[in-house]
Amino acid sequence: MKKDTLQRKRIYDAVLKEHLQDNRQMAFLSGPRQCGKTTLAKSLADRYFTWDDLATRQLIAGNADSLATAAGLGIASERKTVITLDEIHKFVRWKSFLKGFFDLYEDHMRLIVTGSARLDIYKRGGDSLMGRYFLYHMHPLGVAELVRPELEATEIHAPRPIAADDWDALWTHGGFPEPFVRRDRRFTLRWRKLRREQLFREDLRDLTKIADVAGIRILSELLLARAGNQIVAASLSREIGVAEKTIKTWIATLEYFHEGFTVRPWFRNIENSIRKTPKWYQRDWCEVEDEGARFENLVACHLLKAVDMWNDLGLGDYALYYIRNKAKDEVDFLVAKDGHPWFLAEAKVADTKPSPALATMQRITGTKHAFQVVRDLPYAEVDAFTYCNPIAVSAQSFLSQLF
């Protein structure tokens, strides 16, 4: 095991340092449990507070002045104090508390707020934090971050080789830092089991009104078994024996806690396209047993990480889709930029012959690039984005060009 791996800098370290230097707004850092949020936020903070600590809960339950005093905001300082509030989304009135705290002490501090659930739900509420935050999405480790932990705020980077043992560890143990570092099968299995237990026994219990935890757990197991496939709420409702509306609510809840994510179909200009049915992907792709489905999940997670980073850095408006028509012609992924198709990506374990659907959908959508991303192709020092016709590319090369 590399002893310094857990302590080495993540790309998010540079992202947050740039934010703290250039922006007055709060930095909201959202991501799955155990992806490294707390480690990073503590390393950047002068004062660290977590909702999981009773003393912190008592401070926040008091008023903004109590927390400010504990953070030393009443003491003259050469620079603004950096404060981290960890897991504060567990506080029922966290949005209104943050709004008041920020408005009172903005001139004295910089504030990092972390959460293992999505932190953008305030958009639905009346106590908007608009203008007071920038949202950053933290993901587990991936190819690009392992080969390029420094921040280069551009869409596409030059390819860099990933160490063979790192690539094998990503495939076998996933990108969550601790199992990636330990690289021990028994540890990974125990870690993964504990992480799921925390989701169903703690997060769902404490932060939702879902009474049927057994039901949503069955749903999560069905989604895991079908990762990379379309999910039909009506079919799942019949299998589990609950209403279709309940299934949709539960899927949204699992997304909220970063258990997985949905990718919706791109249907603009696609004749007889699928328009509503999403596909499900696991955040921890190593939970997926089927080799082809696992690789598709790995690529999906890397693409989502890149899309989130491009959006978070303000490089444009990006989104991730898939394409499928009623004749079952399909391309795994389409990345759109500013509302227009940009590139297609089809994930394959070994097949190096570009899928006919790539050429067809590239012509229909007008994407600039069409890639067949192949796991078993060796790394090549080639910029995939110089090709405009459908091309097979090494997964190691292609993924290293993203974030």
Protein backbone atom coordinates (compact mmCIF):
# COMPACT_ATOMS: atom_id res chain seq x y z
CA MET A 1 0.00 0.00 0.00
CA LYS A 2 1.20 3.50 -0.81
CA LYS A 3 1.40 5.11 2.60
CA ASP A 4 0.94 8.64 1.29
CA THR A 5 -2.04 7.94 -0.97
CA LEU A 6 -4.75 8.98 1.47
CA GLN A 7 -2.84 12.17 2.28
CA ARG A 8 -1.87 13.17 -1.26
CA LYS A 9 -3.58 16.11 -2.84
CA ARG A 10 -6.82 15.65 -4.72
CA ILE A 11 -7.79 17.85 -7.64
CA TYR A 12 -10.56 19.20 -5.41
CA ASP A 13 -7.89 20.64 -3.14
CA ALA A 14 -6.87 23.01 -5.93
CA VAL A 15 -10.52 23.69 -6.83
CA LEU A 16 -11.43 24.76 -3.29
CA LYS A 17 -8.24 26.76 -2.79
CA GLU A 18 -9.02 28.71 -5.94
CA HIS A 19 -12.58 29.23 -4.72
CA LEU A 20 -11.47 30.49 -1.30
CA GLN A 21 -9.03 32.89 -2.89
CA ASP A 22 -11.32 34.31 -5.57
CA ASN A 23 -14.89 34.14 -4.24
CA ARG A 24 -16.85 35.43 -1.27
CA GLN A 25 -19.57 32.78 -1.68
CA MET A 26 -19.84 29.63 0.42
CA ALA A 27 -18.32 26.52 -1.16
CA PHE A 28 -20.81 23.65 -1.03
CA LEU A 29 -19.00 20.32 -1.40
CA SER A 30 -21.35 17.41 -2.07
CA GLY A 31 -20.51 13.78 -2.77
CA PRO A 32 -20.92 10.15 -1.71
CA ARG A 33 -19.98 8.89 1.73
CA GLN A 34 -16.28 8.06 2.06
CA CYS A 35 -15.14 9.86 -1.10
CA GLY A 36 -12.80 12.20 0.82
CA LYS A 37 -14.90 15.30 1.56
CA THR A 38 -14.18 15.50 5.29
CA THR A 39 -10.44 14.86 4.89
CA LEU A 40 -10.18 17.64 2.31
CA ALA A 41 -12.40 20.15 4.09
CA LYS A 42 -10.59 19.66 7.42
CA SER A 43 -7.21 20.17 5.76
CA LEU A 44 -8.29 23.57 4.41
CA ALA A 45 -10.10 24.81 7.52
CA ASP A 46 -8.91 26.97 10.40
CA ARG A 47 -12.01 25.86 12.33
CA TYR A 48 -13.84 22.59 11.74
CA PHE A 49 -17.33 21.75 13.00
CA THR A 50 -19.39 18.64 12.27
CA TRP A 51 -23.07 18.06 12.90
CA ASP A 52 -22.16 14.57 14.14
CA ASP A 53 -20.56 16.22 17.20
CA LEU A 54 -22.95 17.06 20.05
CA ALA A 55 -21.13 20.30 20.91
CA THR A 56 -21.56 21.54 17.35
CA ARG A 57 -25.25 20.71 17.37
CA GLN A 58 -25.65 22.70 20.57
CA LEU A 59 -23.83 25.69 19.05
CA ILE A 60 -25.98 25.69 15.93
CA ALA A 61 -29.15 25.16 17.91
CA GLY A 62 -28.27 28.30 19.86
CA ASN A 63 -27.74 31.02 17.27
CA ALA A 64 -25.30 32.26 14.67
CA ASP A 65 -23.40 34.31 17.27
CA SER A 66 -22.63 31.19 19.31
CA LEU A 67 -20.98 29.49 16.36
CA ALA A 68 -19.17 32.70 15.41
CA THR A 69 -17.69 33.00 18.89
CA ALA A 70 -16.54 29.37 18.86
CA ALA A 71 -14.94 29.95 15.46
CA GLY A 72 -13.04 32.99 16.72
CA LEU A 73 -14.69 35.44 14.34
CA GLY A 74 -14.60 38.14 16.98
CA ILE A 75 -10.77 38.15 17.00
CA ALA A 76 -8.85 40.41 14.63
CA SER A 77 -7.01 38.40 11.99
CA GLU A 78 -4.70 39.09 9.06
CA ARG A 79 -6.92 37.05 6.80
CA LYS A 80 -10.45 35.70 6.74
CA THR A 81 -10.99 32.59 8.86
CA VAL A 82 -11.80 29.45 6.86
CA ILE A 83 -14.62 27.48 8.52
CA THR A 84 -15.85 24.03 7.58
CA LEU A 85 -19.35 22.88 8.52
CA ASP A 86 -19.52 19.15 7.89
CA GLU A 87 -22.77 17.20 7.36
CA ILE A 88 -24.89 20.20 8.32
CA HIS A 89 -27.63 19.07 5.92
CA LYS A 90 -28.70 16.73 8.73
CA PHE A 91 -29.99 19.81 10.58
CA VAL A 92 -33.64 20.36 9.69
CA ARG A 93 -33.26 24.15 9.35
CA TRP A 94 -29.78 24.11 7.79
CA LYS A 95 -30.70 26.37 4.88
CA SER A 96 -32.12 29.20 6.96
CA PHE A 97 -29.28 28.88 9.49
CA LEU A 98 -26.63 29.16 6.79
CA LYS A 99 -28.34 32.13 5.20
CA GLY A 100 -28.36 34.03 8.49
CA PHE A 101 -24.84 33.01 9.49
CA PHE A 102 -23.41 33.94 6.11
CA ASP A 103 -25.19 37.30 5.95
CA LEU A 104 -23.93 38.26 9.40
CA TYR A 105 -20.31 37.13 9.11
CA GLU A 106 -19.50 37.09 5.40
CA ASP A 107 -16.87 39.82 5.83
CA HIS A 108 -14.98 37.82 8.47
CA MET A 109 -14.81 34.33 7.01
CA ARG A 110 -14.79 31.92 4.13
CA LEU A 111 -17.15 28.98 4.56
CA ILE A 112 -16.98 25.38 3.28
CA VAL A 113 -20.13 23.28 3.70
CA THR A 114 -19.95 19.53 3.06
CA GLY A 115 -22.61 16.86 2.80
CA SER A 116 -22.94 13.19 1.90
CA ALA A 117 -26.30 14.02 0.35
CA ARG A 118 -27.06 16.44 -2.44
CA LEU A 119 -26.89 20.06 -1.33
CA ASP A 120 -28.88 21.59 -4.17
CA ILE A 121 -32.33 20.83 -2.75
CA TYR A 122 -32.56 24.39 -1.49
CA LYS A 123 -33.60 25.31 -5.04
CA ARG A 124 -37.00 23.89 -4.19
CA GLY A 125 -37.48 25.96 -1.05
CA GLY A 126 -38.55 29.50 -0.36
CA ASP A 127 -35.45 30.39 1.69
CA SER A 128 -33.20 30.55 -1.36
CA LEU A 129 -29.44 30.81 -0.94
CA MET A 130 -29.10 32.25 -4.40
CA GLY A 131 -25.95 34.33 -4.75
CA ARG A 132 -24.47 32.97 -1.52
CA TYR A 133 -22.93 29.68 -2.70
CA PHE A 134 -21.06 27.82 -5.42
CA LEU A 135 -21.71 24.09 -5.60
CA TYR A 136 -18.92 21.57 -6.17
CA HIS A 137 -19.46 17.86 -6.74
CA MET A 138 -16.78 15.59 -5.29
CA HIS A 139 -16.37 12.15 -6.85
CA PRO A 140 -14.22 9.13 -6.00
CA LEU A 141 -10.83 8.78 -7.65
CA GLY A 142 -10.65 8.22 -11.39
CA VAL A 143 -8.07 7.90 -14.12
CA ALA A 144 -7.63 11.61 -14.86
CA GLU A 145 -7.32 12.63 -11.22
CA LEU A 146 -4.76 9.91 -10.54
CA VAL A 147 -2.52 11.04 -13.41
CA ARG A 148 -3.23 14.78 -13.10
CA PRO A 149 -4.15 15.93 -9.56
CA GLU A 150 -3.29 19.54 -10.39
CA LEU A 151 -6.04 21.82 -11.71
CA GLU A 152 -6.01 22.78 -15.36
CA ALA A 153 -9.30 24.54 -16.04
CA THR A 154 -9.74 23.30 -19.60
CA GLU A 155 -12.22 20.84 -21.05
CA ILE A 156 -9.84 18.31 -22.52
CA HIS A 157 -6.26 17.52 -21.51
CA ALA A 158 -3.36 15.77 -23.17
CA PRO A 159 -3.35 12.03 -22.42
CA ARG A 160 -1.16 10.72 -19.61
CA PRO A 161 -0.38 7.10 -18.74
CA ILE A 162 -1.83 5.61 -15.57
CA ALA A 163 0.27 3.15 -13.58
CA ALA A 164 -0.75 -0.44 -14.28
CA ASP A 165 -1.38 -1.19 -10.58
CA ASP A 166 -3.57 1.92 -10.25
CA TRP A 167 -5.65 0.90 -13.28
CA ASP A 168 -6.04 -2.62 -11.89
CA ALA A 169 -7.03 -1.22 -8.48
CA LEU A 170 -9.70 1.01 -10.04
CA TRP A 171 -11.16 -2.01 -11.81
CA THR A 172 -11.00 -4.34 -8.81
CA HIS A 173 -11.57 -2.06 -5.82
CA GLY A 174 -13.15 1.09 -7.28
CA GLY A 175 -12.32 4.74 -6.83
CA PHE A 176 -13.31 5.31 -3.20
CA PRO A 177 -9.99 6.24 -1.56
CA GLU A 178 -9.71 3.71 1.26
CA PRO A 179 -10.38 0.46 -0.63
CA PHE A 180 -8.43 1.84 -3.59
CA VAL A 181 -5.42 2.34 -1.31
CA ARG A 182 -5.73 -0.88 0.68
CA ARG A 183 -6.19 -3.09 -2.38
CA ASP A 184 -7.26 -5.98 -0.22
CA ARG A 185 -10.30 -7.96 -1.36
CA ARG A 186 -11.48 -8.85 2.13
CA PHE A 187 -11.20 -5.23 3.28
CA THR A 188 -13.05 -3.97 0.19
CA LEU A 189 -15.95 -6.37 0.75
CA ARG A 190 -16.24 -5.44 4.44
CA TRP A 191 -15.94 -1.72 3.68
CA ARG A 192 -18.63 -1.89 1.00
CA LYS A 193 -21.01 -3.79 3.27
CA LEU A 194 -20.56 -1.26 6.06
CA ARG A 195 -21.09 1.66 3.70
CA ARG A 196 -24.42 0.22 2.54
CA GLU A 197 -25.47 -0.48 6.11
CA GLN A 198 -24.82 3.15 7.00
CA LEU A 199 -27.01 4.25 4.11
CA PHE A 200 -29.99 2.11 5.06
CA ARG A 201 -29.69 2.14 8.85
CA GLU A 202 -28.56 5.73 9.41
CA ASP A 203 -29.06 8.09 6.48
CA LEU A 204 -32.50 6.87 5.44
CA ARG A 205 -33.65 6.64 9.04
CA ASP A 206 -32.38 10.06 10.08
CA LEU A 207 -33.02 12.16 6.99
CA THR A 208 -36.12 10.79 5.27
CA LYS A 209 -39.67 9.88 6.18
CA ILE A 210 -39.43 6.52 4.42
CA ALA A 211 -40.89 3.85 6.69
CA ASP A 212 -40.41 0.89 4.36
CA VAL A 213 -36.60 0.71 4.53
CA ALA A 214 -36.76 -2.98 3.59
CA GLY A 215 -38.61 -2.06 0.40
CA ILE A 216 -36.16 0.59 -0.73
CA ARG A 217 -33.32 -1.80 0.06
CA ILE A 218 -34.87 -4.40 -2.24
CA LEU A 219 -35.14 -1.72 -4.90
CA SER A 220 -31.46 -0.84 -4.53
CA GLU A 221 -30.54 -4.50 -5.00
CA LEU A 222 -32.67 -4.73 -8.15
CA LEU A 223 -31.09 -1.56 -9.51
CA LEU A 224 -27.61 -2.93 -8.77
CA ALA A 225 -28.42 -6.12 -10.66
CA ARG A 226 -29.59 -4.03 -13.63
CA ALA A 227 -26.93 -1.32 -13.51
CA GLY A 228 -26.40 0.11 -16.97
CA ASN A 229 -29.91 -0.86 -18.10
CA GLN A 230 -33.13 1.06 -18.49
CA ILE A 231 -35.28 1.22 -15.38
CA VAL A 232 -39.05 0.97 -15.78
CA ALA A 233 -40.88 2.16 -12.68
CA ALA A 234 -44.07 0.28 -13.55
CA SER A 235 -42.19 -3.02 -13.76
CA LEU A 236 -40.31 -2.40 -10.52
CA SER A 237 -43.54 -1.48 -8.73
CA ARG A 238 -45.02 -4.85 -9.65
CA GLU A 239 -41.92 -6.74 -8.50
CA ILE A 240 -41.71 -5.01 -5.13
CA GLY A 241 -45.44 -4.54 -4.58
CA VAL A 242 -45.57 -0.78 -4.09
CA ALA A 243 -47.02 2.08 -6.11
CA GLU A 244 -45.18 3.35 -9.19
CA LYS A 245 -45.02 6.80 -7.60
CA THR A 246 -43.28 5.26 -4.58
CA ILE A 247 -40.68 3.64 -6.84
CA LYS A 248 -39.90 7.01 -8.44
CA THR A 249 -39.61 8.63 -5.02
CA TRP A 250 -37.27 5.90 -3.80
CA ILE A 251 -35.07 6.16 -6.90
CA ALA A 252 -34.81 9.92 -6.34
CA THR A 253 -33.88 9.23 -2.70
CA LEU A 254 -31.10 6.83 -3.68
CA GLU A 255 -29.79 9.49 -6.07
CA TYR A 256 -30.03 12.07 -3.29
CA PHE A 257 -27.68 9.96 -1.16
CA HIS A 258 -25.32 9.30 -4.10
CA GLU A 259 -25.97 5.55 -4.15
CA GLY A 260 -26.25 5.85 -7.92
CA PHE A 261 -27.46 8.17 -10.64
CA THR A 262 -29.81 8.16 -13.60
CA VAL A 263 -28.93 9.07 -17.18
CA ARG A 264 -31.82 10.20 -19.33
CA PRO A 265 -32.27 9.72 -23.08
CA TRP A 266 -31.37 12.32 -25.67
CA PHE A 267 -34.26 12.38 -28.12
CA ARG A 268 -33.91 15.61 -30.08
CA ASN A 269 -33.96 14.81 -33.81
CA ILE A 270 -33.96 11.06 -33.07
CA GLU A 271 -36.83 9.37 -34.91
CA ASN A 272 -38.80 6.91 -32.76
CA SER A 273 -36.49 7.61 -29.84
CA ILE A 274 -36.94 6.56 -26.24
CA ARG A 275 -37.94 9.78 -24.48
CA LYS A 276 -38.60 9.11 -20.81
CA THR A 277 -37.00 5.89 -19.58
CA PRO A 278 -33.74 6.55 -17.67
CA LYS A 279 -30.80 4.21 -17.14
CA TRP A 280 -29.33 3.52 -13.70
CA TYR A 281 -25.63 3.51 -12.79
CA GLN A 282 -23.90 2.63 -9.52
CA ARG A 283 -21.47 5.10 -7.95
CA ASP A 284 -19.32 2.16 -6.81
CA TRP A 285 -18.92 0.36 -10.12
CA CYS A 286 -17.12 -2.57 -8.45
CA GLU A 287 -20.42 -3.70 -6.97
CA VAL A 288 -21.51 -4.66 -10.51
CA GLU A 289 -20.63 -8.30 -11.18
CA ASP A 290 -21.09 -8.55 -14.96
CA GLU A 291 -17.85 -7.52 -16.68
CA GLY A 292 -19.44 -5.55 -19.50
CA ALA A 293 -21.91 -3.78 -17.21
CA ARG A 294 -19.14 -2.96 -14.72
CA PHE A 295 -17.05 -1.33 -17.42
CA GLU A 296 -20.03 0.67 -18.68
CA ASN A 297 -20.61 1.85 -15.09
CA LEU A 298 -16.94 2.79 -14.75
CA VAL A 299 -17.14 4.90 -17.92
CA ALA A 300 -20.45 6.44 -16.81
CA CYS A 301 -18.93 7.51 -13.48
CA HIS A 302 -15.90 9.05 -15.21
CA LEU A 303 -18.11 10.95 -17.66
CA LEU A 304 -20.38 12.24 -14.88
CA LYS A 305 -17.32 13.38 -12.94
CA ALA A 306 -16.08 15.30 -15.98
CA VAL A 307 -19.51 16.82 -16.66
CA ASP A 308 -19.83 17.94 -13.04
CA MET A 309 -16.33 19.43 -13.04
CA TRP A 310 -16.87 21.31 -16.31
CA ASN A 311 -20.11 22.74 -14.89
CA ASP A 312 -18.63 23.52 -11.47
CA LEU A 313 -15.69 25.39 -13.00
CA GLY A 314 -18.00 27.47 -15.17
CA LEU A 315 -16.66 26.18 -18.48
CA GLY A 316 -20.16 25.84 -19.94
CA ASP A 317 -23.43 23.99 -19.52
CA TYR A 318 -22.81 20.25 -19.87
CA ALA A 319 -25.05 17.20 -19.47
CA LEU A 320 -24.83 13.43 -19.84
CA TYR A 321 -27.37 11.39 -21.84
CA TYR A 322 -27.76 8.11 -23.72
CA ILE A 323 -29.44 7.43 -27.08
CA ARG A 324 -31.83 4.60 -27.90
CA ASN A 325 -34.64 4.31 -30.43
CA LYS A 326 -37.55 1.87 -30.55
CA ALA A 327 -35.64 -0.28 -33.02
CA LYS A 328 -33.10 -0.75 -30.19
CA ASP A 329 -30.27 1.12 -31.92
CA GLU A 330 -28.32 2.49 -28.98
CA VAL A 331 -25.21 4.44 -27.99
CA ASP A 332 -24.26 4.28 -24.32
CA PHE A 333 -23.50 7.98 -23.80
CA LEU A 334 -23.91 11.38 -25.37
CA VAL A 335 -22.31 14.43 -23.78
CA ALA A 336 -23.98 17.71 -24.62
CA LYS A 337 -22.41 21.15 -24.33
CA ASP A 338 -24.55 24.27 -24.10
CA GLY A 339 -27.57 22.31 -25.26
CA HIS A 340 -25.88 20.80 -28.33
CA PRO A 341 -24.49 17.25 -28.80
CA TRP A 342 -20.70 17.25 -28.43
CA PHE A 343 -19.46 13.65 -28.41
CA LEU A 344 -20.71 10.07 -28.28
CA ALA A 345 -19.13 7.24 -26.29
CA GLU A 346 -19.78 3.52 -26.47
CA ALA A 347 -18.19 1.34 -23.76
CA LYS A 348 -16.77 -2.04 -24.78
CA VAL A 349 -14.55 -4.48 -22.91
CA ALA A 350 -12.63 -5.81 -25.92
CA ASP A 351 -14.44 -5.09 -29.21
CA THR A 352 -12.36 -2.64 -31.26
CA LYS A 353 -14.68 -2.46 -34.26
CA PRO A 354 -16.76 0.72 -33.86
CA SER A 355 -20.44 -0.02 -33.41
CA PRO A 356 -22.53 0.87 -36.49
CA ALA A 357 -24.80 2.87 -34.17
CA LEU A 358 -21.95 5.31 -33.53
CA ALA A 359 -21.79 6.41 -37.17
CA THR A 360 -25.57 6.49 -37.47
CA MET A 361 -26.13 8.55 -34.34
CA GLN A 362 -23.19 10.85 -35.09
CA ARG A 363 -24.74 11.68 -38.44
CA ILE A 364 -28.19 12.25 -36.92
CA THR A 365 -27.07 14.27 -33.89
CA GLY A 366 -24.18 16.12 -35.51
CA THR A 367 -21.71 15.36 -32.71
CA LYS A 368 -18.12 16.30 -33.44
CA HIS A 369 -16.66 13.07 -32.03
CA ALA A 370 -17.75 9.44 -31.69
CA PHE A 371 -15.66 7.10 -29.53
CA GLN A 372 -15.72 3.38 -28.87
CA VAL A 373 -14.00 3.29 -25.48
CA VAL A 374 -12.28 -0.09 -25.12
CA ARG A 375 -11.05 -1.41 -21.80
CA ASP A 376 -8.58 -3.93 -23.18
CA LEU A 377 -6.82 -1.60 -25.62
CA PRO A 378 -3.42 -0.62 -24.19
CA TYR A 379 -2.62 3.00 -23.41
CA ALA A 380 -1.56 5.06 -26.42
CA GLU A 381 -0.13 8.58 -26.42
CA VAL A 382 -2.94 9.75 -28.71
CA ASP A 383 -5.34 12.69 -28.36
CA ALA A 384 -8.70 11.05 -29.08
CA PHE A 385 -10.33 14.44 -29.60
CA THR A 386 -8.36 15.06 -32.80
CA TYR A 387 -10.54 12.39 -34.49
CA CYS A 388 -13.91 13.31 -35.92
CA ASN A 389 -15.01 9.97 -37.43
CA PRO A 390 -16.00 7.02 -35.20
CA ILE A 391 -12.83 5.62 -33.67
CA ALA A 392 -11.88 2.93 -31.11
CA VAL A 393 -9.81 4.41 -28.28
CA SER A 394 -8.04 2.99 -25.25
CA ALA A 395 -10.07 3.58 -22.09
CA GLN A 396 -6.88 4.48 -20.22
CA SER A 397 -5.99 7.12 -22.82
CA PHE A 398 -9.50 8.54 -23.26
CA LEU A 399 -10.40 8.76 -19.56
CA SER A 400 -7.07 10.43 -18.76
CA GLN A 401 -8.10 13.34 -21.00
CA LEU A 402 -11.12 14.20 -18.85
CA PHE A 403 -11.27 15.23 -15.18
